[in-house]
Amino acid sequence: MARIPASSDRQISPDTEIWYNLKYAISASSGFQRWQLERDAQLQGLRLEQQVQRYLRETLETLAY
């Protein structure tokens, strides 16, 4: 698992730090990893942040039904 630097390691806003930590927590989840495997070809070339955003969007759309 990736090391998440403490806020003292760098100067970032609280919102940025929250998103950073949330992004890595989501990417470590079994649901996200299963989702990645199902969409392997569609996710080629996307950064982790883009993948997490797409995962969250699709998950929320599914829950909205």
PDB file of N, CA and C in Angstrom:
ATOM      1  N   MET A   1       0.847  -1.180   0.000  1.00  0.00           N
ATOM      2  CA  MET A   1       0.000   0.000   0.000  1.00  0.00           C
ATOM      3  C   MET A   1       0.889   1.239   0.000  1.00  0.00           C
ATOM      4  N   ALA A   2       0.457   2.254  -0.687  1.00  0.00           N
ATOM      5  CA  ALA A   2       1.227   3.487  -0.803  1.00  0.00           C
ATOM      6  C   ALA A   2       1.277   4.228   0.522  1.00  0.00           C
ATOM      7  N   ARG A   3       2.410   4.852   0.782  1.00  0.00           N
ATOM      8  CA  ARG A   3       2.557   5.674   1.983  1.00  0.00           C
ATOM      9  C   ARG A   3       1.809   6.972   1.762  1.00  0.00           C
ATOM     10  N   ILE A   4       0.992   7.345   2.720  1.00  0.00           N
ATOM     11  CA  ILE A   4       0.272   8.611   2.658  1.00  0.00           C
ATOM     12  C   ILE A   4       1.019   9.598   3.539  1.00  0.00           C
ATOM     13  N   PRO A   5       1.646  10.597   2.922  1.00  0.00           N
ATOM     14  CA  PRO A   5       2.439  11.549   3.696  1.00  0.00           C
ATOM     15  C   PRO A   5       1.593  12.320   4.702  1.00  0.00           C
ATOM     16  N   ALA A   6       2.178  12.595   5.835  1.00  0.00           N
ATOM     17  CA  ALA A   6       1.512  13.432   6.831  1.00  0.00           C
ATOM     18  C   ALA A   6       1.417  14.847   6.302  1.00  0.00           C
ATOM     19  N   SER A   7       0.446  15.586   6.815  1.00  0.00           N
ATOM     20  CA  SER A   7       0.262  16.955   6.331  1.00  0.00           C
ATOM     21  C   SER A   7       1.501  17.812   6.577  1.00  0.00           C
ATOM     22  N   SER A   8       2.330  17.433   7.536  1.00  0.00           N
ATOM     23  CA  SER A   8       3.537  18.203   7.798  1.00  0.00           C
ATOM     24  C   SER A   8       4.590  18.007   6.704  1.00  0.00           C
ATOM     25  N   ASP A   9       4.431  16.951   5.862  1.00  0.00           N
ATOM     26  CA  ASP A   9       5.377  16.687   4.782  1.00  0.00           C
ATOM     27  C   ASP A   9       5.228  17.668   3.624  1.00  0.00           C
ATOM     28  N   ARG A  10       4.081  18.313   3.504  1.00  0.00           N
ATOM     29  CA  ARG A  10       3.837  19.194   2.371  1.00  0.00           C
ATOM     30  C   ARG A  10       2.776  20.219   2.758  1.00  0.00           C
ATOM     31  N   GLN A  11       2.711  21.291   1.997  1.00  0.00           N
ATOM     32  CA  GLN A  11       1.732  22.337   2.259  1.00  0.00           C
ATOM     33  C   GLN A  11       0.578  22.185   1.269  1.00  0.00           C
ATOM     34  N   ILE A  12      -0.553  21.677   1.734  1.00  0.00           N
ATOM     35  CA  ILE A  12      -1.735  21.539   0.887  1.00  0.00           C
ATOM     36  C   ILE A  12      -2.959  21.942   1.693  1.00  0.00           C
ATOM     37  N   SER A  13      -4.034  22.228   0.985  1.00  0.00           N
ATOM     38  CA  SER A  13      -5.258  22.622   1.672  1.00  0.00           C
ATOM     39  C   SER A  13      -5.895  21.405   2.333  1.00  0.00           C
ATOM     40  N   PRO A  14      -6.711  21.607   3.361  1.00  0.00           N
ATOM     41  CA  PRO A  14      -7.399  20.495   4.010  1.00  0.00           C
ATOM     42  C   PRO A  14      -8.274  19.696   3.034  1.00  0.00           C
ATOM     43  N   ASP A  15      -8.938  20.390   2.096  1.00  0.00           N
ATOM     44  CA  ASP A  15      -9.773  19.681   1.121  1.00  0.00           C
ATOM     45  C   ASP A  15      -8.938  18.786   0.220  1.00  0.00           C
ATOM     46  N   THR A  16      -7.787  19.270  -0.178  1.00  0.00           N
ATOM     47  CA  THR A  16      -6.897  18.476  -1.028  1.00  0.00           C
ATOM     48  C   THR A  16      -6.399  17.259  -0.276  1.00  0.00           C
ATOM     49  N   GLU A  17      -6.064  17.438   0.976  1.00  0.00           N
ATOM     50  CA  GLU A  17      -5.588  16.319   1.787  1.00  0.00           C
ATOM     51  C   GLU A  17      -6.691  15.279   1.980  1.00  0.00           C
ATOM     52  N   ILE A  18      -7.913  15.729   2.207  1.00  0.00           N
ATOM     53  CA  ILE A  18      -9.038  14.806   2.356  1.00  0.00           C
ATOM     54  C   ILE A  18      -9.237  14.014   1.072  1.00  0.00           C
ATOM     55  N   TRP A  19      -9.238  14.695  -0.093  1.00  0.00           N
ATOM     56  CA  TRP A  19      -9.423  14.008  -1.376  1.00  0.00           C
ATOM     57  C   TRP A  19      -8.292  13.010  -1.614  1.00  0.00           C
ATOM     58  N   TYR A  20      -7.064  13.406  -1.313  1.00  0.00           N
ATOM     59  CA  TYR A  20      -5.904  12.532  -1.485  1.00  0.00           C
ATOM     60  C   TYR A  20      -6.080  11.246  -0.674  1.00  0.00           C
ATOM     61  N   ASN A  21      -6.414  11.380   0.597  1.00  0.00           N
ATOM     62  CA  ASN A  21      -6.593  10.215   1.458  1.00  0.00           C
ATOM     63  C   ASN A  21      -7.794   9.372   1.032  1.00  0.00           C
ATOM     64  N   LEU A  22      -8.882  10.020   0.664  1.00  0.00           N
ATOM     65  CA  LEU A  22     -10.080   9.316   0.219  1.00  0.00           C
ATOM     66  C   LEU A  22      -9.810   8.546  -1.068  1.00  0.00           C
ATOM     67  N   LYS A  23      -9.113   9.169  -1.996  1.00  0.00           N
ATOM     68  CA  LYS A  23      -8.785   8.543  -3.277  1.00  0.00           C
ATOM     69  C   LYS A  23      -8.008   7.245  -3.054  1.00  0.00           C
ATOM     70  N   TYR A  24      -7.037   7.265  -2.170  1.00  0.00           N
ATOM     71  CA  TYR A  24      -6.235   6.067  -1.926  1.00  0.00           C
ATOM     72  C   TYR A  24      -6.994   5.032  -1.106  1.00  0.00           C
ATOM     73  N   ALA A  25      -7.861   5.440  -0.227  1.00  0.00           N
ATOM     74  CA  ALA A  25      -8.687   4.477   0.509  1.00  0.00           C
ATOM     75  C   ALA A  25      -9.650   3.770  -0.445  1.00  0.00           C
ATOM     76  N   ILE A  26     -10.258   4.521  -1.353  1.00  0.00           N
ATOM     77  CA  ILE A  26     -11.169   3.943  -2.334  1.00  0.00           C
ATOM     78  C   ILE A  26     -10.410   2.984  -3.237  1.00  0.00           C
ATOM     79  N   SER A  27      -9.244   3.381  -3.710  1.00  0.00           N
ATOM     80  CA  SER A  27      -8.486   2.539  -4.638  1.00  0.00           C
ATOM     81  C   SER A  27      -8.016   1.238  -3.991  1.00  0.00           C
ATOM     82  N   ALA A  28      -7.940   1.204  -2.680  1.00  0.00           N
ATOM     83  CA  ALA A  28      -7.536  -0.013  -1.976  1.00  0.00           C
ATOM     84  C   ALA A  28      -8.722  -0.934  -1.676  1.00  0.00           C
ATOM     85  N   SER A  29      -9.939  -0.454  -1.910  1.00  0.00           N
ATOM     86  CA  SER A  29     -11.119  -1.246  -1.572  1.00  0.00           C
ATOM     87  C   SER A  29     -11.340  -2.379  -2.575  1.00  0.00           C
ATOM     88  N   SER A  30     -11.929  -3.457  -2.101  1.00  0.00           N
ATOM     89  CA  SER A  30     -12.192  -4.601  -2.979  1.00  0.00           C
ATOM     90  C   SER A  30     -13.208  -4.250  -4.057  1.00  0.00           C
ATOM     91  N   GLY A  31     -14.164  -3.402  -3.756  1.00  0.00           N
ATOM     92  CA  GLY A  31     -15.155  -3.003  -4.750  1.00  0.00           C
ATOM     93  C   GLY A  31     -14.521  -2.255  -5.911  1.00  0.00           C
ATOM     94  N   PHE A  32     -13.613  -1.347  -5.609  1.00  0.00           N
ATOM     95  CA  PHE A  32     -12.921  -0.602  -6.653  1.00  0.00           C
ATOM     96  C   PHE A  32     -12.043  -1.526  -7.477  1.00  0.00           C
ATOM     97  N   GLN A  33     -11.333  -2.422  -6.822  1.00  0.00           N
ATOM     98  CA  GLN A  33     -10.440  -3.333  -7.536  1.00  0.00           C
ATOM     99  C   GLN A  33     -11.224  -4.273  -8.452  1.00  0.00           C
ATOM    100  N   ARG A  34     -12.376  -4.735  -8.008  1.00  0.00           N
ATOM    101  CA  ARG A  34     -13.240  -5.571  -8.852  1.00  0.00           C
ATOM    102  C   ARG A  34     -13.750  -4.761 -10.039  1.00  0.00           C
ATOM    103  N   TRP A  35     -14.161  -3.527  -9.794  1.00  0.00           N
ATOM    104  CA  TRP A  35     -14.634  -2.630 -10.843  1.00  0.00           C
ATOM    105  C   TRP A  35     -13.538  -2.420 -11.884  1.00  0.00           C
ATOM    106  N   GLN A  36     -12.292  -2.230 -11.436  1.00  0.00           N
ATOM    107  CA  GLN A  36     -11.170  -2.061 -12.357  1.00  0.00           C
ATOM    108  C   GLN A  36     -10.990  -3.286 -13.252  1.00  0.00           C
ATOM    109  N   LEU A  37     -11.067  -4.461 -12.670  1.00  0.00           N
ATOM    110  CA  LEU A  37     -10.901  -5.683 -13.448  1.00  0.00           C
ATOM    111  C   LEU A  37     -11.982  -5.821 -14.513  1.00  0.00           C
ATOM    112  N   GLU A  38     -13.196  -5.427 -14.186  1.00  0.00           N
ATOM    113  CA  GLU A  38     -14.310  -5.526 -15.127  1.00  0.00           C
ATOM    114  C   GLU A  38     -14.172  -4.539 -16.281  1.00  0.00           C
ATOM    115  N   ARG A  39     -13.449  -3.443 -16.081  1.00  0.00           N
ATOM    116  CA  ARG A  39     -13.348  -2.384 -17.091  1.00  0.00           C
ATOM    117  C   ARG A  39     -11.924  -2.152 -17.558  1.00  0.00           C
ATOM    118  N   ASP A  40     -11.115  -3.160 -17.511  1.00  0.00           N
ATOM    119  CA  ASP A  40      -9.683  -3.022 -17.792  1.00  0.00           C
ATOM    120  C   ASP A  40      -9.401  -2.241 -19.077  1.00  0.00           C
ATOM    121  N   ALA A  41     -10.018  -2.620 -20.183  1.00  0.00           N
ATOM    122  CA  ALA A  41      -9.744  -1.966 -21.468  1.00  0.00           C
ATOM    123  C   ALA A  41     -10.194  -0.506 -21.468  1.00  0.00           C
ATOM    124  N   GLN A  42     -11.287  -0.202 -20.800  1.00  0.00           N
ATOM    125  CA  GLN A  42     -11.821   1.166 -20.775  1.00  0.00           C
ATOM    126  C   GLN A  42     -10.956   2.111 -19.951  1.00  0.00           C
ATOM    127  N   LEU A  43     -10.180   1.563 -19.037  1.00  0.00           N
ATOM    128  CA  LEU A  43      -9.416   2.391 -18.109  1.00  0.00           C
ATOM    129  C   LEU A  43      -7.975   2.605 -18.532  1.00  0.00           C
ATOM    130  N   GLN A  44      -7.580   2.020 -19.664  1.00  0.00           N
ATOM    131  CA  GLN A  44      -6.205   2.163 -20.137  1.00  0.00           C
ATOM    132  C   GLN A  44      -5.862   3.641 -20.300  1.00  0.00           C
ATOM    133  N   GLY A  45      -4.754   4.043 -19.730  1.00  0.00           N
ATOM    134  CA  GLY A  45      -4.274   5.406 -19.890  1.00  0.00           C
ATOM    135  C   GLY A  45      -4.868   6.423 -18.930  1.00  0.00           C
ATOM    136  N   LEU A  46      -5.812   6.017 -18.098  1.00  0.00           N
ATOM    137  CA  LEU A  46      -6.396   6.963 -17.143  1.00  0.00           C
ATOM    138  C   LEU A  46      -5.575   6.981 -15.860  1.00  0.00           C
ATOM    139  N   ARG A  47      -5.395   8.167 -15.314  1.00  0.00           N
ATOM    140  CA  ARG A  47      -4.726   8.297 -14.014  1.00  0.00           C
ATOM    141  C   ARG A  47      -5.634   7.731 -12.924  1.00  0.00           C
ATOM    142  N   LEU A  48      -5.048   7.407 -11.781  1.00  0.00           N
ATOM    143  CA  LEU A  48      -5.817   6.874 -10.663  1.00  0.00           C
ATOM    144  C   LEU A  48      -6.950   7.820 -10.284  1.00  0.00           C
ATOM    145  N   GLU A  49      -6.669   9.105 -10.261  1.00  0.00           N
ATOM    146  CA  GLU A  49      -7.702  10.077  -9.896  1.00  0.00           C
ATOM    147  C   GLU A  49      -8.896  10.001 -10.850  1.00  0.00           C
ATOM    148  N   GLN A  50      -8.623   9.875 -12.149  1.00  0.00           N
ATOM    149  CA  GLN A  50      -9.706   9.765 -13.129  1.00  0.00           C
ATOM    150  C   GLN A  50     -10.490   8.470 -12.938  1.00  0.00           C
ATOM    151  N   GLN A  51      -9.791   7.392 -12.622  1.00  0.00           N
ATOM    152  CA  GLN A  51     -10.471   6.116 -12.392  1.00  0.00           C
ATOM    153  C   GLN A  51     -11.376   6.190 -11.166  1.00  0.00           C
ATOM    154  N   VAL A  52     -10.882   6.786 -10.089  1.00  0.00           N
ATOM    155  CA  VAL A  52     -11.684   6.914  -8.867  1.00  0.00           C
ATOM    156  C   VAL A  52     -12.910   7.786  -9.131  1.00  0.00           C
ATOM    157  N   GLN A  53     -12.726   8.873  -9.861  1.00  0.00           N
ATOM    158  CA  GLN A  53     -13.868   9.742 -10.176  1.00  0.00           C
ATOM    159  C   GLN A  53     -14.917   8.992 -10.991  1.00  0.00           C
ATOM    160  N   ARG A  54     -14.484   8.212 -11.969  1.00  0.00           N
ATOM    161  CA  ARG A  54     -15.420   7.438 -12.791  1.00  0.00           C
ATOM    162  C   ARG A  54     -16.135   6.379 -11.941  1.00  0.00           C
ATOM    163  N   TYR A  55     -15.370   5.716 -11.078  1.00  0.00           N
ATOM    164  CA  TYR A  55     -15.941   4.702 -10.181  1.00  0.00           C
ATOM    165  C   TYR A  55     -17.019   5.327  -9.289  1.00  0.00           C
ATOM    166  N   LEU A  56     -16.705   6.460  -8.691  1.00  0.00           N
ATOM    167  CA  LEU A  56     -17.672   7.125  -7.817  1.00  0.00           C
ATOM    168  C   LEU A  56     -18.913   7.558  -8.590  1.00  0.00           C
ATOM    169  N   ARG A  57     -18.734   8.096  -9.785  1.00  0.00           N
ATOM    170  CA  ARG A  57     -19.865   8.523 -10.611  1.00  0.00           C
ATOM    171  C   ARG A  57     -20.765   7.334 -10.947  1.00  0.00           C
ATOM    172  N   GLU A  58     -20.162   6.238 -11.402  1.00  0.00           N
ATOM    173  CA  GLU A  58     -20.944   5.058 -11.760  1.00  0.00           C
ATOM    174  C   GLU A  58     -21.640   4.460 -10.538  1.00  0.00           C
ATOM    175  N   THR A  59     -20.955   4.441  -9.410  1.00  0.00           N
ATOM    176  CA  THR A  59     -21.545   3.904  -8.177  1.00  0.00           C
ATOM    177  C   THR A  59     -22.737   4.743  -7.749  1.00  0.00           C
ATOM    178  N   LEU A  60     -22.591   6.057  -7.785  1.00  0.00           N
ATOM    179  CA  LEU A  60     -23.706   6.940  -7.400  1.00  0.00           C
ATOM    180  C   LEU A  60     -24.871   6.853  -8.379  1.00  0.00           C
ATOM    181  N   GLU A  61     -24.577   6.716  -9.670  1.00  0.00           N
ATOM    182  CA  GLU A  61     -25.643   6.551 -10.650  1.00  0.00           C
ATOM    183  C   GLU A  61     -26.415   5.264 -10.400  1.00  0.00           C
ATOM    184  N   THR A  62     -25.715   4.198 -10.054  1.00  0.00           N
ATOM    185  CA  THR A  62     -26.348   2.924  -9.753  1.00  0.00           C
ATOM    186  C   THR A  62     -27.238   3.045  -8.509  1.00  0.00           C
ATOM    187  N   LEU A  63     -26.741   3.722  -7.506  1.00  0.00           N
ATOM    188  CA  LEU A  63     -27.510   3.895  -6.269  1.00  0.00           C
ATOM    189  C   LEU A  63     -28.733   4.777  -6.456  1.00  0.00           C
ATOM    190  N   ALA A  64     -28.683   5.649  -7.456  1.00  0.00           N
ATOM    191  CA  ALA A  64     -29.782   6.572  -7.684  1.00  0.00           C
ATOM    192  C   ALA A  64     -31.016   5.871  -8.256  1.00  0.00           C
ATOM    193  N   TYR A  65     -30.835   4.684  -8.829  1.00  0.00           N
ATOM    194  CA  TYR A  65     -31.965   3.958  -9.409  1.00  0.00           C
ATOM    195  C   TYR A  65     -32.864   3.374  -8.388  1.00  0.00           C
TER     196      TYR A  65
END
